[in-house]
Amino acid sequence: MATITLNQTVYNHAKKYAESQNLSVDELIVSLINKFVPSNRKKKYQMKSIDELAPELQKIIGFAKPTGEDREDINGDNARMEYLSEKYNL
């Protein structure tokens, strides 16, 4: 076990804060170290490309992809304008 030496004033502030959080000074210091020192244990999630997914998932994703003219009108702007043109004789 290693020992950390702190200025008495800093230690007193840490102790006061730790008590307000229902922690020991040791727990407070360990939580701070874990928060600011990167750990190799934590692996960030990385999304796979469509080609890496199972064929069943590729099919499901394929249904959601717009094709042809729909690709350019993903929000339905063209259909909305066509409807409004017909309704108001624009």
C-alpha atoms as a PDB file:
ATOM      1  CA  MET A   1       0.000   0.000   0.000  1.00  0.00           C
ATOM      2  CA  ALA A   2       1.325   3.440  -0.922  1.00  0.00           C
ATOM      3  CA  THR A   3       1.040   6.584   1.139  1.00  0.00           C
ATOM      4  CA  ILE A   4       0.122  10.021  -0.182  1.00  0.00           C
ATOM      5  CA  THR A   5       1.236  13.095   1.709  1.00  0.00           C
ATOM      6  CA  LEU A   6      -1.077  16.109   1.630  1.00  0.00           C
ATOM      7  CA  ASN A   7      -0.876  19.584   3.062  1.00  0.00           C
ATOM      8  CA  GLN A   8      -2.888  19.661   6.307  1.00  0.00           C
ATOM      9  CA  THR A   9      -5.259  22.329   4.957  1.00  0.00           C
ATOM     10  CA  VAL A  10      -5.922  20.340   1.777  1.00  0.00           C
ATOM     11  CA  TYR A  11      -6.484  17.190   3.827  1.00  0.00           C
ATOM     12  CA  ASN A  12      -8.940  18.989   6.099  1.00  0.00           C
ATOM     13  CA  HIS A  13     -10.907  20.274   3.077  1.00  0.00           C
ATOM     14  CA  ALA A  14     -10.938  16.762   1.585  1.00  0.00           C
ATOM     15  CA  LYS A  15     -12.047  15.278   4.906  1.00  0.00           C
ATOM     16  CA  LYS A  16     -14.848  17.812   5.287  1.00  0.00           C
ATOM     17  CA  TYR A  17     -16.075  17.198   1.725  1.00  0.00           C
ATOM     18  CA  ALA A  18     -15.800  13.416   2.099  1.00  0.00           C
ATOM     19  CA  GLU A  19     -17.880  13.526   5.282  1.00  0.00           C
ATOM     20  CA  SER A  20     -20.558  15.566   3.518  1.00  0.00           C
ATOM     21  CA  GLN A  21     -20.710  12.847   0.853  1.00  0.00           C
ATOM     22  CA  ASN A  22     -20.717  10.011   3.419  1.00  0.00           C
ATOM     23  CA  LEU A  23     -17.286   8.824   2.222  1.00  0.00           C
ATOM     24  CA  SER A  24     -13.928   8.290   3.813  1.00  0.00           C
ATOM     25  CA  VAL A  25     -11.007  10.377   2.581  1.00  0.00           C
ATOM     26  CA  ASP A  26      -9.543   7.197   1.102  1.00  0.00           C
ATOM     27  CA  GLU A  27     -12.750   6.490  -0.869  1.00  0.00           C
ATOM     28  CA  LEU A  28     -12.845  10.091  -2.083  1.00  0.00           C
ATOM     29  CA  ILE A  29      -9.246   9.997  -3.329  1.00  0.00           C
ATOM     30  CA  VAL A  30      -9.739   6.616  -5.019  1.00  0.00           C
ATOM     31  CA  SER A  31     -12.897   7.857  -6.780  1.00  0.00           C
ATOM     32  CA  LEU A  32     -11.061  10.982  -7.996  1.00  0.00           C
ATOM     33  CA  ILE A  33      -8.142   8.941  -9.308  1.00  0.00           C
ATOM     34  CA  ASN A  34     -10.505   6.551 -11.105  1.00  0.00           C
ATOM     35  CA  LYS A  35     -12.381   9.486 -12.590  1.00  0.00           C
ATOM     36  CA  PHE A  36      -9.369  11.291 -14.025  1.00  0.00           C
ATOM     37  CA  VAL A  37      -6.931   8.475 -14.849  1.00  0.00           C
ATOM     38  CA  PRO A  38      -7.940   6.516 -17.943  1.00  0.00           C
ATOM     39  CA  SER A  39      -8.371   2.815 -17.420  1.00  0.00           C
ATOM     40  CA  ASN A  40      -7.680   0.132 -19.994  1.00  0.00           C
ATOM     41  CA  ARG A  41     -10.584  -1.843 -18.553  1.00  0.00           C
ATOM     42  CA  LYS A  42     -13.208   0.438 -20.028  1.00  0.00           C
ATOM     43  CA  LYS A  43     -13.736  -0.347 -23.678  1.00  0.00           C
ATOM     44  CA  LYS A  44     -15.700   2.222 -25.620  1.00  0.00           C
ATOM     45  CA  TYR A  45     -18.534   0.990 -27.778  1.00  0.00           C
ATOM     46  CA  GLN A  46     -17.852   1.135 -31.474  1.00  0.00           C
ATOM     47  CA  MET A  47     -20.635   0.621 -33.976  1.00  0.00           C
ATOM     48  CA  LYS A  48     -20.063  -2.111 -36.561  1.00  0.00           C
ATOM     49  CA  SER A  49     -20.438  -1.412 -40.247  1.00  0.00           C
ATOM     50  CA  ILE A  50     -23.470  -2.926 -41.989  1.00  0.00           C
ATOM     51  CA  ASP A  51     -21.251  -5.503 -43.696  1.00  0.00           C
ATOM     52  CA  GLU A  52     -20.096  -6.837 -40.300  1.00  0.00           C
ATOM     53  CA  LEU A  53     -23.643  -7.479 -39.061  1.00  0.00           C
ATOM     54  CA  ALA A  54     -25.535 -10.759 -39.284  1.00  0.00           C
ATOM     55  CA  PRO A  55     -27.459 -11.242 -42.556  1.00  0.00           C
ATOM     56  CA  GLU A  56     -30.785 -11.048 -40.703  1.00  0.00           C
ATOM     57  CA  LEU A  57     -29.903  -7.595 -39.347  1.00  0.00           C
ATOM     58  CA  GLN A  58     -28.697  -6.475 -42.771  1.00  0.00           C
ATOM     59  CA  LYS A  59     -32.124  -7.336 -44.180  1.00  0.00           C
ATOM     60  CA  ILE A  60     -33.917  -5.362 -41.467  1.00  0.00           C
ATOM     61  CA  ILE A  61     -31.692  -2.346 -42.036  1.00  0.00           C
ATOM     62  CA  GLY A  62     -32.237  -2.676 -45.778  1.00  0.00           C
ATOM     63  CA  PHE A  63     -35.985  -2.187 -45.302  1.00  0.00           C
ATOM     64  CA  ALA A  64     -35.382   1.165 -43.641  1.00  0.00           C
ATOM     65  CA  LYS A  65     -33.128   2.543 -46.358  1.00  0.00           C
ATOM     66  CA  PRO A  66     -34.887   4.804 -48.845  1.00  0.00           C
ATOM     67  CA  THR A  67     -34.353   3.970 -52.522  1.00  0.00           C
ATOM     68  CA  GLY A  68     -34.793   5.835 -55.794  1.00  0.00           C
ATOM     69  CA  GLU A  69     -36.641   9.160 -55.535  1.00  0.00           C
ATOM     70  CA  ASP A  70     -37.446   8.490 -51.865  1.00  0.00           C
ATOM     71  CA  ARG A  71     -33.736   8.744 -51.053  1.00  0.00           C
ATOM     72  CA  GLU A  72     -33.788  12.463 -51.876  1.00  0.00           C
ATOM     73  CA  ASP A  73     -37.092  13.014 -50.054  1.00  0.00           C
ATOM     74  CA  ILE A  74     -36.431  11.273 -46.758  1.00  0.00           C
ATOM     75  CA  ASN A  75     -38.516  13.837 -44.804  1.00  0.00           C
ATOM     76  CA  GLY A  76     -41.441  13.723 -47.230  1.00  0.00           C
ATOM     77  CA  ASP A  77     -40.966  17.307 -48.445  1.00  0.00           C
ATOM     78  CA  ASN A  78     -41.824  16.464 -52.062  1.00  0.00           C
ATOM     79  CA  ALA A  79     -44.999  14.599 -51.074  1.00  0.00           C
ATOM     80  CA  ARG A  80     -46.027  17.450 -48.763  1.00  0.00           C
ATOM     81  CA  MET A  81     -45.520  20.062 -51.500  1.00  0.00           C
ATOM     82  CA  GLU A  82     -47.450  17.929 -54.000  1.00  0.00           C
ATOM     83  CA  TYR A  83     -50.343  17.618 -51.548  1.00  0.00           C
ATOM     84  CA  LEU A  84     -50.385  21.353 -50.792  1.00  0.00           C
ATOM     85  CA  SER A  85     -50.207  22.211 -54.501  1.00  0.00           C
ATOM     86  CA  GLU A  86     -53.223  20.052 -55.250  1.00  0.00           C
ATOM     87  CA  LYS A  87     -55.169  21.296 -52.222  1.00  0.00           C
ATOM     88  CA  TYR A  88     -54.621  24.993 -52.856  1.00  0.00           C
ATOM     89  CA  ASN A  89     -54.299  24.865 -56.672  1.00  0.00           C
ATOM     90  CA  LEU A  90     -50.776  26.264 -56.647  1.00  0.00           C
END
